[in-house]
Amino acid sequence: MARRTISLPQSVEELARESAREGESFSATVARLIEQGARAENGGPQAPRYIAAGDGPQDLGRAAERYLRELVHTP
């Protein structure tokens, strides 16, 4: 875990302390609040930063269950 020293205005420190969950350390509170704020600022979870490669039908993601059913042979 990275350790950082940051300077917070008194008003931000007070806000963080008010936002702390029971038993949560100040560092954990600040980390949680930064993560929540960054996710909200960036519009939530981001798409993976990779390009998938492989063979298969173009609709595999949407129709995976249908393709799996077709592979199962029932008597």
N, C-alpha and C. Protein backbone atom coordinates (compact mmCIF):
# COMPACT_ATOMS: atom_id res chain seq x y z
N MET A 1 0.84 -1.16 0.00
CA MET A 1 0.00 0.00 0.00
C MET A 1 0.90 1.23 0.00
N ALA A 2 0.59 2.15 -0.88
CA ALA A 2 1.37 3.39 -0.97
C ALA A 2 1.05 4.30 0.21
N ARG A 3 2.06 4.99 0.68
CA ARG A 3 1.88 5.97 1.75
C ARG A 3 2.12 7.34 1.15
N ARG A 4 1.20 8.25 1.41
CA ARG A 4 1.31 9.61 0.88
C ARG A 4 1.03 10.59 2.01
N THR A 5 1.70 11.69 1.97
CA THR A 5 1.41 12.78 2.88
C THR A 5 0.72 13.87 2.08
N ILE A 6 -0.47 14.25 2.52
CA ILE A 6 -1.21 15.30 1.83
C ILE A 6 -1.62 16.36 2.84
N SER A 7 -1.85 17.54 2.35
CA SER A 7 -2.33 18.64 3.20
C SER A 7 -3.79 18.89 2.85
N LEU A 8 -4.62 18.90 3.87
CA LEU A 8 -6.05 19.11 3.66
C LEU A 8 -6.47 20.40 4.35
N PRO A 9 -7.31 21.19 3.71
CA PRO A 9 -7.88 22.33 4.41
C PRO A 9 -8.69 21.83 5.61
N GLN A 10 -8.80 22.62 6.63
CA GLN A 10 -9.53 22.24 7.83
C GLN A 10 -10.96 21.81 7.50
N SER A 11 -11.62 22.50 6.58
CA SER A 11 -12.99 22.17 6.23
C SER A 11 -13.11 20.78 5.60
N VAL A 12 -12.10 20.40 4.81
CA VAL A 12 -12.10 19.07 4.18
C VAL A 12 -11.84 18.00 5.23
N GLU A 13 -10.92 18.26 6.14
CA GLU A 13 -10.65 17.31 7.21
C GLU A 13 -11.90 17.09 8.06
N GLU A 14 -12.60 18.16 8.39
CA GLU A 14 -13.83 18.04 9.18
C GLU A 14 -14.87 17.24 8.43
N LEU A 15 -15.00 17.48 7.14
CA LEU A 15 -15.96 16.74 6.32
C LEU A 15 -15.61 15.25 6.31
N ALA A 16 -14.33 14.94 6.18
CA ALA A 16 -13.90 13.54 6.19
C ALA A 16 -14.21 12.90 7.53
N ARG A 17 -13.92 13.59 8.61
CA ARG A 17 -14.19 13.04 9.94
C ARG A 17 -15.69 12.81 10.15
N GLU A 18 -16.50 13.72 9.65
CA GLU A 18 -17.96 13.57 9.76
C GLU A 18 -18.46 12.40 8.91
N SER A 19 -17.74 12.08 7.85
CA SER A 19 -18.14 11.02 6.92
C SER A 19 -17.61 9.65 7.30
N ALA A 20 -16.79 9.59 8.34
CA ALA A 20 -16.18 8.32 8.75
C ALA A 20 -17.25 7.35 9.23
N ARG A 21 -17.07 6.11 8.87
CA ARG A 21 -17.93 5.04 9.37
C ARG A 21 -17.40 4.58 10.73
N GLU A 22 -18.26 3.98 11.49
CA GLU A 22 -17.85 3.54 12.83
C GLU A 22 -16.67 2.58 12.73
N GLY A 23 -15.62 2.87 13.47
CA GLY A 23 -14.43 2.02 13.50
C GLY A 23 -13.49 2.21 12.32
N GLU A 24 -13.82 3.10 11.41
CA GLU A 24 -12.99 3.31 10.22
C GLU A 24 -11.90 4.33 10.54
N SER A 25 -10.68 4.02 10.13
CA SER A 25 -9.57 4.94 10.36
C SER A 25 -9.72 6.17 9.46
N PHE A 26 -9.01 7.22 9.82
CA PHE A 26 -9.06 8.43 9.00
C PHE A 26 -8.53 8.15 7.60
N SER A 27 -7.45 7.39 7.50
CA SER A 27 -6.88 7.05 6.19
C SER A 27 -7.86 6.26 5.34
N ALA A 28 -8.53 5.29 5.95
CA ALA A 28 -9.51 4.49 5.21
C ALA A 28 -10.68 5.36 4.76
N THR A 29 -11.09 6.28 5.62
CA THR A 29 -12.19 7.18 5.26
C THR A 29 -11.80 8.04 4.07
N VAL A 30 -10.62 8.64 4.12
CA VAL A 30 -10.16 9.51 3.04
C VAL A 30 -10.02 8.71 1.75
N ALA A 31 -9.45 7.51 1.81
CA ALA A 31 -9.30 6.67 0.62
C ALA A 31 -10.67 6.34 0.03
N ARG A 32 -11.63 5.97 0.87
CA ARG A 32 -12.99 5.65 0.39
C ARG A 32 -13.63 6.86 -0.27
N LEU A 33 -13.52 8.01 0.36
CA LEU A 33 -14.14 9.21 -0.19
C LEU A 33 -13.49 9.64 -1.50
N ILE A 34 -12.17 9.50 -1.60
CA ILE A 34 -11.49 9.83 -2.86
C ILE A 34 -11.97 8.90 -3.96
N GLU A 35 -12.04 7.61 -3.64
CA GLU A 35 -12.48 6.64 -4.66
C GLU A 35 -13.91 6.92 -5.09
N GLN A 36 -14.80 7.18 -4.14
CA GLN A 36 -16.19 7.48 -4.49
C GLN A 36 -16.28 8.74 -5.35
N GLY A 37 -15.54 9.76 -4.96
CA GLY A 37 -15.56 11.01 -5.72
C GLY A 37 -14.99 10.85 -7.11
N ALA A 38 -13.90 10.11 -7.23
CA ALA A 38 -13.29 9.91 -8.55
C ALA A 38 -14.21 9.11 -9.46
N ARG A 39 -14.85 8.08 -8.91
CA ARG A 39 -15.79 7.30 -9.73
C ARG A 39 -16.96 8.16 -10.18
N ALA A 40 -17.49 8.97 -9.29
CA ALA A 40 -18.61 9.84 -9.64
C ALA A 40 -18.18 10.86 -10.69
N GLU A 41 -16.99 11.39 -10.53
CA GLU A 41 -16.47 12.41 -11.45
C GLU A 41 -16.24 11.82 -12.84
N ASN A 42 -15.82 10.57 -12.89
CA ASN A 42 -15.52 9.92 -14.16
C ASN A 42 -16.71 9.18 -14.75
N GLY A 43 -17.86 9.31 -14.14
CA GLY A 43 -19.06 8.68 -14.70
C GLY A 43 -19.21 7.22 -14.33
N GLY A 44 -18.60 6.76 -13.27
CA GLY A 44 -18.75 5.38 -12.82
C GLY A 44 -17.69 4.47 -13.39
N PRO A 45 -17.95 3.18 -13.32
CA PRO A 45 -16.96 2.20 -13.80
C PRO A 45 -16.64 2.40 -15.29
N GLN A 46 -15.40 2.23 -15.63
CA GLN A 46 -14.95 2.41 -17.00
C GLN A 46 -14.81 1.06 -17.69
N ALA A 47 -14.92 1.08 -18.99
CA ALA A 47 -14.73 -0.13 -19.79
C ALA A 47 -13.28 -0.58 -19.67
N PRO A 48 -13.03 -1.88 -19.76
CA PRO A 48 -11.65 -2.37 -19.71
C PRO A 48 -10.82 -1.72 -20.81
N ARG A 49 -9.54 -1.51 -20.53
CA ARG A 49 -8.64 -0.89 -21.49
C ARG A 49 -7.90 -1.94 -22.29
N TYR A 50 -8.65 -2.77 -22.98
CA TYR A 50 -8.03 -3.78 -23.84
C TYR A 50 -8.96 -4.04 -25.01
N ILE A 51 -8.41 -4.65 -26.01
CA ILE A 51 -9.22 -5.04 -27.17
C ILE A 51 -9.24 -6.55 -27.18
N ALA A 52 -10.42 -7.10 -27.12
CA ALA A 52 -10.56 -8.55 -27.10
C ALA A 52 -10.24 -9.10 -28.50
N ALA A 53 -9.66 -10.27 -28.51
CA ALA A 53 -9.35 -10.93 -29.77
C ALA A 53 -9.75 -12.38 -29.66
N GLY A 54 -10.19 -12.94 -30.75
CA GLY A 54 -10.56 -14.34 -30.75
C GLY A 54 -11.53 -14.64 -31.87
N ASP A 55 -11.86 -15.89 -31.97
CA ASP A 55 -12.79 -16.32 -33.00
C ASP A 55 -14.13 -16.65 -32.36
N GLY A 56 -15.16 -16.50 -33.12
CA GLY A 56 -16.50 -16.84 -32.64
C GLY A 56 -17.54 -15.93 -33.25
N PRO A 57 -18.79 -16.23 -32.97
CA PRO A 57 -19.86 -15.41 -33.52
C PRO A 57 -19.82 -13.98 -32.97
N GLN A 58 -20.26 -13.04 -33.77
CA GLN A 58 -20.24 -11.63 -33.35
C GLN A 58 -21.17 -11.37 -32.16
N ASP A 59 -22.23 -12.18 -32.02
CA ASP A 59 -23.19 -11.96 -30.94
C ASP A 59 -22.96 -12.88 -29.74
N LEU A 60 -21.77 -13.41 -29.58
CA LEU A 60 -21.50 -14.38 -28.53
C LEU A 60 -21.83 -13.84 -27.14
N GLY A 61 -21.50 -12.60 -26.88
CA GLY A 61 -21.79 -12.02 -25.56
C GLY A 61 -23.28 -11.99 -25.26
N ARG A 62 -24.09 -11.68 -26.26
CA ARG A 62 -25.53 -11.58 -26.05
C ARG A 62 -26.22 -12.94 -26.12
N ALA A 63 -25.66 -13.86 -26.87
CA ALA A 63 -26.34 -15.14 -27.12
C ALA A 63 -25.59 -16.33 -26.55
N ALA A 64 -24.75 -16.11 -25.56
CA ALA A 64 -23.91 -17.20 -25.02
C ALA A 64 -24.75 -18.36 -24.52
N GLU A 65 -25.83 -18.07 -23.80
CA GLU A 65 -26.66 -19.16 -23.27
C GLU A 65 -27.25 -20.00 -24.38
N ARG A 66 -27.69 -19.38 -25.46
CA ARG A 66 -28.25 -20.14 -26.58
C ARG A 66 -27.18 -21.05 -27.18
N TYR A 67 -25.98 -20.52 -27.38
CA TYR A 67 -24.91 -21.34 -27.94
C TYR A 67 -24.54 -22.49 -27.01
N LEU A 68 -24.53 -22.25 -25.72
CA LEU A 68 -24.23 -23.32 -24.77
C LEU A 68 -25.31 -24.40 -24.78
N ARG A 69 -26.57 -23.99 -24.88
CA ARG A 69 -27.66 -24.98 -24.95
C ARG A 69 -27.53 -25.86 -26.20
N GLU A 70 -27.12 -25.25 -27.30
CA GLU A 70 -26.96 -26.01 -28.54
C GLU A 70 -25.86 -27.05 -28.43
N LEU A 71 -24.85 -26.80 -27.58
CA LEU A 71 -23.77 -27.75 -27.40
C LEU A 71 -24.16 -28.95 -26.56
N VAL A 72 -25.18 -28.79 -25.71
CA VAL A 72 -25.61 -29.86 -24.83
C VAL A 72 -26.59 -30.75 -25.60
N HIS A 73 -26.26 -32.01 -25.68
CA HIS A 73 -27.14 -32.95 -26.38
C HIS A 73 -28.03 -33.63 -25.36
N THR A 74 -29.32 -33.48 -25.50
CA THR A 74 -30.27 -34.16 -24.60
C THR A 74 -30.87 -35.34 -25.32
N PRO A 75 -31.02 -36.46 -24.60
CA PRO A 75 -31.57 -37.67 -25.24
C PRO A 75 -33.03 -37.53 -25.57
